[in-house]
Amino acid sequence: MIVQRSIYAGDTPLFSDFSVAQTGPMQLTISGGTFQITGQARIVPGVKVPAEFFNDGRAELLPDGKRARVWLQDRVTKRIKDKSKRRKVTGNTLLNVTAHPNKDKYYKVDLRSPSDVVMQVQTKNWLADQDEPITNDLTHILIFPFKVVPGTTDLSGIDIEVFTVLPGFPDKSAEWEV
């Protein structure tokens, strides 16, 4: 069963519109989508930010019009350290899941970004007596590790947690407290 594990982007530019569906008894389909990393910035009152910062891209006004996101920059070179970047994956990715005959098997799906413009869907699987393969250019976990036990013939009985990003903040309700 697909379970959404969601966070809210809040004031950050974090964004993801990938979706995952079970499209067969032992198959998942990951839709193409867009992912935007947050970059490194500080949120400050907009009135404290010099106008040239907005003009040359070192800052941007937040939707409330009162605060600004100012990108962190190197003290010496003044180069922006890490600005928000948006990357896209086109097309769907099929993940055909198989059970090992006598060992637990784990699956995980990551979004990898080996460069500023490229994003790839990477599926991993490993057996219970092995370590998860590590990739140094991980951008975002899309499907958290899930276990497939020997003899599994249908994923609908397994909680498959999919990481989602919702825009803005949660609605104010009795469930949420600051």
N, C-alpha and C. Protein backbone atom coordinates (compact mmCIF):
# COMPACT_ATOMS: atom_id res chain seq x y z
N MET A 1 0.84 -1.17 0.00
CA MET A 1 0.00 0.00 0.00
C MET A 1 0.90 1.24 0.00
N ILE A 2 0.61 2.18 -0.88
CA ILE A 2 1.37 3.42 -0.96
C ILE A 2 0.93 4.32 0.20
N VAL A 3 1.92 4.78 0.98
CA VAL A 3 1.66 5.67 2.12
C VAL A 3 2.43 6.97 1.88
N GLN A 4 1.73 8.09 1.88
CA GLN A 4 2.39 9.39 1.69
C GLN A 4 3.03 9.83 2.99
N ARG A 5 4.30 10.14 2.95
CA ARG A 5 5.04 10.69 4.08
C ARG A 5 5.39 12.12 3.69
N SER A 6 4.58 13.07 4.14
CA SER A 6 4.64 14.43 3.61
C SER A 6 5.27 15.42 4.58
N ILE A 7 5.91 16.42 3.99
CA ILE A 7 6.36 17.59 4.74
C ILE A 7 5.84 18.82 4.00
N TYR A 8 5.81 19.94 4.67
CA TYR A 8 5.42 21.21 4.05
C TYR A 8 6.68 22.01 3.74
N ALA A 9 6.68 22.66 2.59
CA ALA A 9 7.84 23.44 2.16
C ALA A 9 8.01 24.70 2.99
N GLY A 10 6.92 25.21 3.56
CA GLY A 10 7.01 26.44 4.36
C GLY A 10 7.48 27.60 3.51
N ASP A 11 8.47 28.33 4.01
CA ASP A 11 9.04 29.48 3.29
C ASP A 11 10.13 29.08 2.30
N THR A 12 10.42 27.81 2.19
CA THR A 12 11.51 27.38 1.31
C THR A 12 10.99 27.15 -0.11
N PRO A 13 11.88 27.13 -1.10
CA PRO A 13 11.45 26.82 -2.46
C PRO A 13 11.40 25.31 -2.73
N LEU A 14 11.53 24.49 -1.69
CA LEU A 14 11.49 23.04 -1.87
C LEU A 14 10.20 22.66 -2.60
N PHE A 15 10.35 21.79 -3.61
CA PHE A 15 9.19 21.40 -4.42
C PHE A 15 9.44 20.02 -5.01
N SER A 16 8.41 19.20 -5.04
CA SER A 16 8.47 17.91 -5.71
C SER A 16 7.06 17.53 -6.13
N ASP A 17 6.91 17.10 -7.38
CA ASP A 17 5.59 16.66 -7.83
C ASP A 17 5.62 15.22 -8.37
N PHE A 18 6.61 14.44 -7.94
CA PHE A 18 6.68 13.04 -8.32
C PHE A 18 5.54 12.28 -7.65
N SER A 19 5.07 11.24 -8.30
CA SER A 19 4.07 10.38 -7.66
C SER A 19 4.45 8.93 -7.93
N VAL A 20 3.97 8.07 -7.05
CA VAL A 20 4.25 6.64 -7.15
C VAL A 20 2.93 5.90 -7.07
N ALA A 21 2.73 4.92 -7.95
CA ALA A 21 1.50 4.12 -7.94
C ALA A 21 1.87 2.65 -8.09
N GLN A 22 1.08 1.80 -7.47
CA GLN A 22 1.24 0.37 -7.70
C GLN A 22 0.46 0.05 -8.97
N THR A 23 1.18 -0.42 -10.00
CA THR A 23 0.56 -0.65 -11.30
C THR A 23 0.48 -2.12 -11.67
N GLY A 24 0.88 -2.97 -10.76
CA GLY A 24 0.78 -4.41 -10.93
C GLY A 24 1.01 -5.04 -9.57
N PRO A 25 0.77 -6.33 -9.43
CA PRO A 25 0.94 -6.95 -8.11
C PRO A 25 2.34 -6.72 -7.52
N MET A 26 3.36 -6.74 -8.36
CA MET A 26 4.74 -6.55 -7.90
C MET A 26 5.43 -5.45 -8.70
N GLN A 27 4.68 -4.42 -9.06
CA GLN A 27 5.24 -3.35 -9.88
C GLN A 27 4.82 -1.99 -9.35
N LEU A 28 5.79 -1.06 -9.33
CA LEU A 28 5.53 0.33 -8.99
C LEU A 28 5.89 1.18 -10.20
N THR A 29 5.12 2.25 -10.43
CA THR A 29 5.44 3.21 -11.48
C THR A 29 5.70 4.55 -10.82
N ILE A 30 6.88 5.11 -11.11
CA ILE A 30 7.27 6.42 -10.62
C ILE A 30 7.06 7.39 -11.77
N SER A 31 6.18 8.37 -11.57
CA SER A 31 5.92 9.33 -12.64
C SER A 31 7.09 10.27 -12.80
N GLY A 32 7.26 10.76 -14.01
CA GLY A 32 8.24 11.82 -14.21
C GLY A 32 7.80 13.03 -13.41
N GLY A 33 8.71 13.89 -13.08
CA GLY A 33 8.33 15.05 -12.28
C GLY A 33 9.45 16.04 -12.14
N THR A 34 9.21 17.00 -11.28
CA THR A 34 10.16 18.07 -11.02
C THR A 34 10.53 18.07 -9.55
N PHE A 35 11.79 18.31 -9.27
CA PHE A 35 12.25 18.45 -7.90
C PHE A 35 13.08 19.72 -7.80
N GLN A 36 12.82 20.52 -6.79
CA GLN A 36 13.58 21.75 -6.58
C GLN A 36 14.20 21.71 -5.20
N ILE A 37 15.55 21.82 -5.16
CA ILE A 37 16.24 21.87 -3.88
C ILE A 37 16.11 23.26 -3.29
N THR A 38 16.31 23.36 -2.01
CA THR A 38 16.10 24.63 -1.32
C THR A 38 17.23 25.62 -1.50
N GLY A 39 18.45 25.16 -1.69
CA GLY A 39 19.58 26.06 -1.68
C GLY A 39 19.89 26.46 -0.25
N GLN A 40 20.80 27.42 -0.07
CA GLN A 40 21.16 27.88 1.27
C GLN A 40 20.91 29.38 1.36
N ALA A 41 19.98 29.75 2.22
CA ALA A 41 19.59 31.16 2.33
C ALA A 41 19.15 31.46 3.75
N ARG A 42 18.99 32.74 4.02
CA ARG A 42 18.41 33.20 5.27
C ARG A 42 17.15 33.98 4.95
N ILE A 43 16.16 33.87 5.82
CA ILE A 43 14.93 34.65 5.70
C ILE A 43 15.08 35.85 6.62
N VAL A 44 14.97 37.04 6.05
CA VAL A 44 15.15 38.28 6.83
C VAL A 44 14.03 39.26 6.47
N PRO A 45 13.81 40.27 7.32
CA PRO A 45 12.83 41.29 6.94
C PRO A 45 13.25 41.96 5.63
N GLY A 46 12.31 42.10 4.70
CA GLY A 46 12.61 42.65 3.38
C GLY A 46 13.16 44.07 3.42
N VAL A 47 12.76 44.85 4.41
CA VAL A 47 13.21 46.24 4.47
C VAL A 47 14.70 46.33 4.78
N LYS A 48 15.32 45.27 5.29
CA LYS A 48 16.74 45.29 5.62
C LYS A 48 17.64 44.90 4.44
N VAL A 49 17.03 44.51 3.32
CA VAL A 49 17.80 44.02 2.17
C VAL A 49 17.98 45.15 1.17
N PRO A 50 19.25 45.46 0.79
CA PRO A 50 19.48 46.50 -0.22
C PRO A 50 18.81 46.17 -1.55
N ALA A 51 18.31 47.17 -2.24
CA ALA A 51 17.59 46.99 -3.50
C ALA A 51 18.43 46.25 -4.53
N GLU A 52 19.75 46.48 -4.57
CA GLU A 52 20.58 45.82 -5.58
C GLU A 52 20.62 44.30 -5.39
N PHE A 53 20.37 43.82 -4.17
CA PHE A 53 20.32 42.37 -3.94
C PHE A 53 19.15 41.75 -4.71
N PHE A 54 18.02 42.45 -4.76
CA PHE A 54 16.87 41.95 -5.52
C PHE A 54 17.15 42.05 -7.02
N ASN A 55 17.79 43.13 -7.44
CA ASN A 55 18.06 43.37 -8.86
C ASN A 55 19.04 42.37 -9.46
N ASP A 56 20.06 41.98 -8.67
CA ASP A 56 21.07 41.08 -9.23
C ASP A 56 20.89 39.61 -8.83
N GLY A 57 19.76 39.27 -8.21
CA GLY A 57 19.45 37.88 -7.91
C GLY A 57 20.01 37.34 -6.62
N ARG A 58 20.58 38.19 -5.77
CA ARG A 58 21.10 37.71 -4.49
C ARG A 58 19.99 37.55 -3.46
N ALA A 59 18.80 38.08 -3.75
CA ALA A 59 17.67 37.97 -2.82
C ALA A 59 16.37 37.94 -3.62
N GLU A 60 15.33 37.41 -2.99
CA GLU A 60 14.00 37.43 -3.61
C GLU A 60 12.98 37.67 -2.51
N LEU A 61 11.96 38.43 -2.84
CA LEU A 61 10.91 38.74 -1.88
C LEU A 61 9.99 37.54 -1.74
N LEU A 62 9.61 37.22 -0.50
CA LEU A 62 8.69 36.12 -0.26
C LEU A 62 7.26 36.57 -0.57
N PRO A 63 6.35 35.60 -0.77
CA PRO A 63 4.98 35.96 -1.16
C PRO A 63 4.26 36.92 -0.21
N ASP A 64 4.63 36.94 1.07
CA ASP A 64 3.96 37.86 2.00
C ASP A 64 4.37 39.31 1.78
N GLY A 65 5.41 39.53 0.97
CA GLY A 65 5.86 40.89 0.66
C GLY A 65 6.60 41.58 1.80
N LYS A 66 6.76 40.91 2.91
CA LYS A 66 7.40 41.52 4.08
C LYS A 66 8.78 40.96 4.36
N ARG A 67 9.03 39.76 3.89
CA ARG A 67 10.31 39.10 4.17
C ARG A 67 10.99 38.73 2.86
N ALA A 68 12.30 38.51 2.96
CA ALA A 68 13.09 38.17 1.78
C ALA A 68 13.95 36.94 2.06
N ARG A 69 14.20 36.20 1.00
CA ARG A 69 15.15 35.09 1.05
C ARG A 69 16.45 35.63 0.46
N VAL A 70 17.51 35.66 1.28
CA VAL A 70 18.81 36.15 0.83
C VAL A 70 19.75 34.96 0.73
N TRP A 71 20.25 34.71 -0.48
CA TRP A 71 21.12 33.56 -0.71
C TRP A 71 22.46 33.78 -0.03
N LEU A 72 22.97 32.76 0.66
CA LEU A 72 24.27 32.85 1.31
C LEU A 72 25.35 32.96 0.25
N GLN A 73 26.35 33.79 0.55
CA GLN A 73 27.44 33.98 -0.40
C GLN A 73 28.78 33.92 0.31
N ASP A 74 29.81 33.56 -0.44
CA ASP A 74 31.17 33.49 0.08
C ASP A 74 31.61 34.88 0.53
N ARG A 75 32.23 34.99 1.69
CA ARG A 75 32.65 36.30 2.23
C ARG A 75 33.67 37.00 1.34
N VAL A 76 34.53 36.22 0.71
CA VAL A 76 35.60 36.82 -0.09
C VAL A 76 35.16 37.04 -1.54
N THR A 77 34.69 35.98 -2.19
CA THR A 77 34.37 36.08 -3.62
C THR A 77 32.98 36.64 -3.89
N LYS A 78 32.12 36.63 -2.88
CA LYS A 78 30.72 37.08 -2.99
C LYS A 78 29.90 36.18 -3.92
N ARG A 79 30.46 35.01 -4.28
CA ARG A 79 29.74 34.05 -5.10
C ARG A 79 28.67 33.39 -4.24
N ILE A 80 27.47 33.24 -4.81
CA ILE A 80 26.37 32.59 -4.09
C ILE A 80 26.75 31.14 -3.86
N LYS A 81 26.62 30.71 -2.60
CA LYS A 81 27.06 29.38 -2.20
C LYS A 81 26.24 28.28 -2.87
N ASP A 82 24.94 28.31 -2.72
CA ASP A 82 24.09 27.25 -3.27
C ASP A 82 22.68 27.79 -3.42
N LYS A 83 22.34 28.20 -4.63
CA LYS A 83 21.01 28.75 -4.89
C LYS A 83 20.05 27.61 -5.22
N SER A 84 18.80 27.84 -4.99
CA SER A 84 17.78 26.85 -5.30
C SER A 84 17.87 26.44 -6.76
N LYS A 85 17.75 25.13 -7.02
CA LYS A 85 17.82 24.63 -8.39
C LYS A 85 16.64 23.70 -8.65
N ARG A 86 16.09 23.78 -9.83
CA ARG A 86 14.97 22.94 -10.23
C ARG A 86 15.45 21.98 -11.31
N ARG A 87 15.14 20.69 -11.11
CA ARG A 87 15.54 19.66 -12.07
C ARG A 87 14.32 18.81 -12.43
N LYS A 88 14.37 18.21 -13.61
CA LYS A 88 13.19 17.49 -14.11
C LYS A 88 13.59 16.10 -14.60
N VAL A 89 12.68 15.15 -14.38
CA VAL A 89 12.81 13.82 -14.96
C VAL A 89 11.59 13.63 -15.85
N THR A 90 11.82 13.32 -17.12
CA THR A 90 10.70 13.10 -18.03
C THR A 90 10.45 11.61 -18.17
N GLY A 91 9.22 11.25 -18.40
CA GLY A 91 8.86 9.84 -18.57
C GLY A 91 8.71 9.12 -17.24
N ASN A 92 8.12 7.96 -17.30
CA ASN A 92 7.90 7.15 -16.11
C ASN A 92 9.01 6.13 -15.94
N THR A 93 9.21 5.72 -14.70
CA THR A 93 10.16 4.66 -14.38
C THR A 93 9.39 3.51 -13.77
N LEU A 94 9.56 2.31 -14.33
CA LEU A 94 8.91 1.12 -13.79
C LEU A 94 9.87 0.40 -12.87
N LEU A 95 9.38 0.00 -11.71
CA LEU A 95 10.16 -0.78 -10.77
C LEU A 95 9.46 -2.13 -10.61
N ASN A 96 10.06 -3.17 -11.17
CA ASN A 96 9.54 -4.53 -11.02
C ASN A 96 10.21 -5.15 -9.80
N VAL A 97 9.41 -5.44 -8.79
CA VAL A 97 9.91 -5.94 -7.52
C VAL A 97 9.83 -7.46 -7.52
N THR A 98 10.89 -8.10 -7.05
CA THR A 98 10.89 -9.56 -6.94
C THR A 98 11.30 -9.93 -5.52
N ALA A 99 10.74 -11.02 -5.04
CA ALA A 99 11.11 -11.55 -3.73
C ALA A 99 12.24 -12.55 -3.92
N HIS A 100 13.17 -12.56 -2.97
CA HIS A 100 14.24 -13.56 -2.96
C HIS A 100 13.64 -14.86 -2.42
N PRO A 101 14.10 -16.03 -2.87
CA PRO A 101 13.48 -17.28 -2.42
C PRO A 101 13.61 -17.55 -0.91
N ASN A 102 14.71 -17.08 -0.27
CA ASN A 102 14.86 -17.41 1.15
C ASN A 102 15.46 -16.30 2.02
N LYS A 103 15.55 -15.09 1.50
CA LYS A 103 16.08 -13.96 2.29
C LYS A 103 15.18 -12.75 2.11
N ASP A 104 15.12 -11.91 3.16
CA ASP A 104 14.43 -10.63 3.03
C ASP A 104 15.20 -9.77 2.03
N LYS A 105 14.45 -9.02 1.22
CA LYS A 105 15.06 -8.15 0.21
C LYS A 105 14.51 -6.74 0.43
N TYR A 106 15.36 -5.75 0.32
CA TYR A 106 14.97 -4.36 0.53
C TYR A 106 15.05 -3.59 -0.79
N TYR A 107 14.13 -2.64 -0.92
CA TYR A 107 14.09 -1.75 -2.09
C TYR A 107 14.04 -0.31 -1.62
N LYS A 108 14.60 0.59 -2.42
CA LYS A 108 14.59 2.03 -2.13
C LYS A 108 14.70 2.75 -3.47
N VAL A 109 14.07 3.94 -3.56
CA VAL A 109 14.19 4.74 -4.78
C VAL A 109 14.65 6.14 -4.39
N ASP A 110 15.72 6.59 -5.04
CA ASP A 110 16.28 7.92 -4.81
C ASP A 110 16.20 8.74 -6.10
N LEU A 111 16.17 10.04 -5.92
CA LEU A 111 16.40 10.96 -7.03
C LEU A 111 17.85 11.39 -6.90
N ARG A 112 18.63 11.17 -7.94
CA ARG A 112 20.05 11.53 -7.92
C ARG A 112 20.27 12.71 -8.85
N SER A 113 21.22 13.52 -8.48
CA SER A 113 21.54 14.67 -9.31
C SER A 113 23.05 14.79 -9.47
N PRO A 114 23.60 14.10 -10.47
CA PRO A 114 25.05 14.15 -10.66
C PRO A 114 25.57 15.48 -11.21
N SER A 115 24.66 16.37 -11.64
CA SER A 115 25.09 17.70 -12.10
C SER A 115 23.97 18.70 -11.81
N ASP A 116 24.21 19.96 -12.11
CA ASP A 116 23.22 21.00 -11.86
C ASP A 116 21.99 20.90 -12.75
N VAL A 117 22.08 20.16 -13.85
CA VAL A 117 20.95 20.12 -14.78
C VAL A 117 20.33 18.73 -14.94
N VAL A 118 21.03 17.70 -14.51
CA VAL A 118 20.57 16.33 -14.71
C VAL A 118 19.97 15.78 -13.43
N MET A 119 18.85 15.09 -13.56
CA MET A 119 18.28 14.34 -12.44
C MET A 119 17.89 12.97 -12.95
N GLN A 120 18.14 11.95 -12.13
CA GLN A 120 17.85 10.58 -12.52
C GLN A 120 17.09 9.88 -11.38
N VAL A 121 16.24 8.93 -11.75
CA VAL A 121 15.60 8.07 -10.78
C VAL A 121 16.49 6.85 -10.62
N GLN A 122 16.90 6.57 -9.39
CA GLN A 122 17.76 5.41 -9.14
C GLN A 122 17.04 4.44 -8.22
N THR A 123 16.88 3.20 -8.68
CA THR A 123 16.28 2.17 -7.84
C THR A 123 17.40 1.29 -7.30
N LYS A 124 17.27 0.94 -6.03
CA LYS A 124 18.28 0.09 -5.38
C LYS A 124 17.57 -1.09 -4.74
N ASN A 125 18.24 -2.22 -4.72
CA ASN A 125 17.76 -3.34 -3.92
C ASN A 125 18.96 -4.08 -3.36
N TRP A 126 18.75 -4.67 -2.18
CA TRP A 126 19.81 -5.41 -1.53
C TRP A 126 19.18 -6.44 -0.60
N LEU A 127 19.96 -7.46 -0.27
CA LEU A 127 19.48 -8.53 0.62
C LEU A 127 19.74 -8.15 2.07
N ALA A 128 19.03 -8.82 2.97
CA ALA A 128 19.09 -8.49 4.40
C ALA A 128 20.50 -8.60 4.97
N ASP A 129 21.34 -9.47 4.41
CA ASP A 129 22.69 -9.63 4.96
C ASP A 129 23.72 -8.73 4.25
N GLN A 130 23.24 -7.75 3.49
CA GLN A 130 24.13 -6.81 2.79
C GLN A 130 23.83 -5.40 3.26
N ASP A 131 24.78 -4.49 3.03
CA ASP A 131 24.56 -3.07 3.31
C ASP A 131 23.91 -2.41 2.10
N GLU A 132 23.13 -1.36 2.38
CA GLU A 132 22.53 -0.59 1.29
C GLU A 132 23.64 0.05 0.46
N PRO A 133 23.55 -0.03 -0.88
CA PRO A 133 24.54 0.66 -1.72
C PRO A 133 24.43 2.17 -1.52
N ILE A 134 25.55 2.85 -1.34
CA ILE A 134 25.57 4.28 -1.07
C ILE A 134 25.99 5.03 -2.33
N THR A 135 25.31 6.13 -2.60
CA THR A 135 25.62 6.99 -3.74
C THR A 135 25.95 8.37 -3.20
N ASN A 136 27.02 8.99 -3.68
CA ASN A 136 27.45 10.27 -3.11
C ASN A 136 26.72 11.48 -3.65
N ASP A 137 25.92 11.35 -4.69
CA ASP A 137 25.23 12.51 -5.25
C ASP A 137 23.72 12.44 -5.02
N LEU A 138 23.32 11.87 -3.89
CA LEU A 138 21.90 11.78 -3.55
C LEU A 138 21.32 13.17 -3.38
N THR A 139 20.17 13.40 -3.99
CA THR A 139 19.47 14.66 -3.84
C THR A 139 18.26 14.49 -2.94
N HIS A 140 17.54 13.38 -3.11
CA HIS A 140 16.24 13.27 -2.46
C HIS A 140 15.81 11.82 -2.41
N ILE A 141 15.37 11.36 -1.23
CA ILE A 141 14.79 10.03 -1.14
C ILE A 141 13.35 10.15 -1.63
N LEU A 142 12.97 9.30 -2.56
CA LEU A 142 11.60 9.31 -3.06
C LEU A 142 10.77 8.21 -2.41
N ILE A 143 11.30 6.99 -2.37
CA ILE A 143 10.64 5.88 -1.68
C ILE A 143 11.60 5.37 -0.61
N PHE A 144 11.15 5.43 0.64
CA PHE A 144 11.97 4.95 1.74
C PHE A 144 12.15 3.45 1.63
N PRO A 145 13.22 2.90 2.23
CA PRO A 145 13.44 1.46 2.14
C PRO A 145 12.23 0.66 2.62
N PHE A 146 11.87 -0.36 1.86
CA PHE A 146 10.80 -1.26 2.27
C PHE A 146 11.27 -2.69 2.06
N LYS A 147 10.73 -3.58 2.91
CA LYS A 147 11.17 -4.98 2.93
C LYS A 147 10.18 -5.87 2.20
N VAL A 148 10.72 -6.76 1.36
CA VAL A 148 9.94 -7.77 0.66
C VAL A 148 10.41 -9.13 1.19
N VAL A 149 9.52 -9.84 1.86
CA VAL A 149 9.89 -11.13 2.46
C VAL A 149 9.75 -12.24 1.41
N PRO A 150 10.47 -13.35 1.63
CA PRO A 150 10.35 -14.47 0.68
C PRO A 150 8.89 -14.89 0.52
N GLY A 151 8.52 -15.19 -0.71
CA GLY A 151 7.17 -15.64 -1.00
C GLY A 151 6.18 -14.52 -1.32
N THR A 152 6.59 -13.26 -1.18
CA THR A 152 5.69 -12.15 -1.48
C THR A 152 5.30 -12.17 -2.95
N THR A 153 3.98 -12.06 -3.21
CA THR A 153 3.50 -12.04 -4.60
C THR A 153 2.67 -10.80 -4.90
N ASP A 154 2.45 -9.95 -3.89
CA ASP A 154 1.66 -8.73 -4.08
C ASP A 154 2.13 -7.68 -3.08
N LEU A 155 2.44 -6.50 -3.59
CA LEU A 155 2.94 -5.41 -2.73
C LEU A 155 1.85 -4.73 -1.91
N SER A 156 0.59 -4.99 -2.19
CA SER A 156 -0.48 -4.25 -1.52
C SER A 156 -0.50 -4.47 -0.01
N GLY A 157 0.14 -5.51 0.49
CA GLY A 157 0.21 -5.74 1.93
C GLY A 157 1.43 -5.12 2.59
N ILE A 158 2.24 -4.40 1.83
CA ILE A 158 3.47 -3.79 2.35
C ILE A 158 3.29 -2.27 2.34
N ASP A 159 3.60 -1.63 3.47
CA ASP A 159 3.58 -0.16 3.49
C ASP A 159 4.80 0.36 2.74
N ILE A 160 4.55 1.07 1.66
CA ILE A 160 5.61 1.67 0.84
C ILE A 160 5.49 3.16 1.03
N GLU A 161 6.44 3.72 1.82
CA GLU A 161 6.38 5.13 2.18
C GLU A 161 7.03 5.99 1.10
N VAL A 162 6.23 6.91 0.56
CA VAL A 162 6.68 7.80 -0.51
C VAL A 162 6.79 9.21 0.07
N PHE A 163 7.96 9.82 -0.12
CA PHE A 163 8.21 11.17 0.40
C PHE A 163 7.57 12.19 -0.53
N THR A 164 6.73 13.05 0.02
CA THR A 164 6.10 14.10 -0.78
C THR A 164 6.32 15.45 -0.12
N VAL A 165 6.34 16.48 -0.94
CA VAL A 165 6.50 17.85 -0.45
C VAL A 165 5.22 18.60 -0.79
N LEU A 166 4.60 19.16 0.23
CA LEU A 166 3.40 19.96 0.03
C LEU A 166 3.78 21.43 0.11
N PRO A 167 3.16 22.28 -0.69
CA PRO A 167 3.54 23.70 -0.68
C PRO A 167 3.06 24.41 0.59
N GLY A 168 3.77 25.47 0.94
CA GLY A 168 3.34 26.35 2.04
C GLY A 168 3.41 25.70 3.40
N PHE A 169 2.45 26.06 4.22
CA PHE A 169 2.38 25.61 5.60
C PHE A 169 1.11 24.80 5.81
N PRO A 170 1.07 23.96 6.86
CA PRO A 170 -0.17 23.24 7.13
C PRO A 170 -1.26 24.22 7.56
N ASP A 171 -2.52 23.82 7.32
CA ASP A 171 -3.65 24.64 7.77
C ASP A 171 -3.59 24.76 9.28
N LYS A 172 -4.00 25.91 9.78
CA LYS A 172 -4.04 26.09 11.22
C LYS A 172 -5.21 25.27 11.76
N SER A 173 -4.90 24.37 12.64
CA SER A 173 -5.92 23.54 13.25
C SER A 173 -5.45 23.11 14.62
N ALA A 174 -6.29 22.42 15.33
CA ALA A 174 -5.95 21.98 16.67
C ALA A 174 -4.81 20.95 16.65
N GLU A 175 -4.59 20.29 15.49
CA GLU A 175 -3.53 19.28 15.40
C GLU A 175 -2.14 19.89 15.34
N TRP A 176 -2.03 21.15 14.90
CA TRP A 176 -0.72 21.77 14.69
C TRP A 176 -0.48 22.84 15.72
N GLU A 177 0.74 22.87 16.24
CA GLU A 177 1.10 23.86 17.25
C GLU A 177 2.49 24.35 16.97
N VAL A 178 2.75 25.63 17.18
CA VAL A 178 4.08 26.19 16.98
C VAL A 178 4.72 26.46 18.31
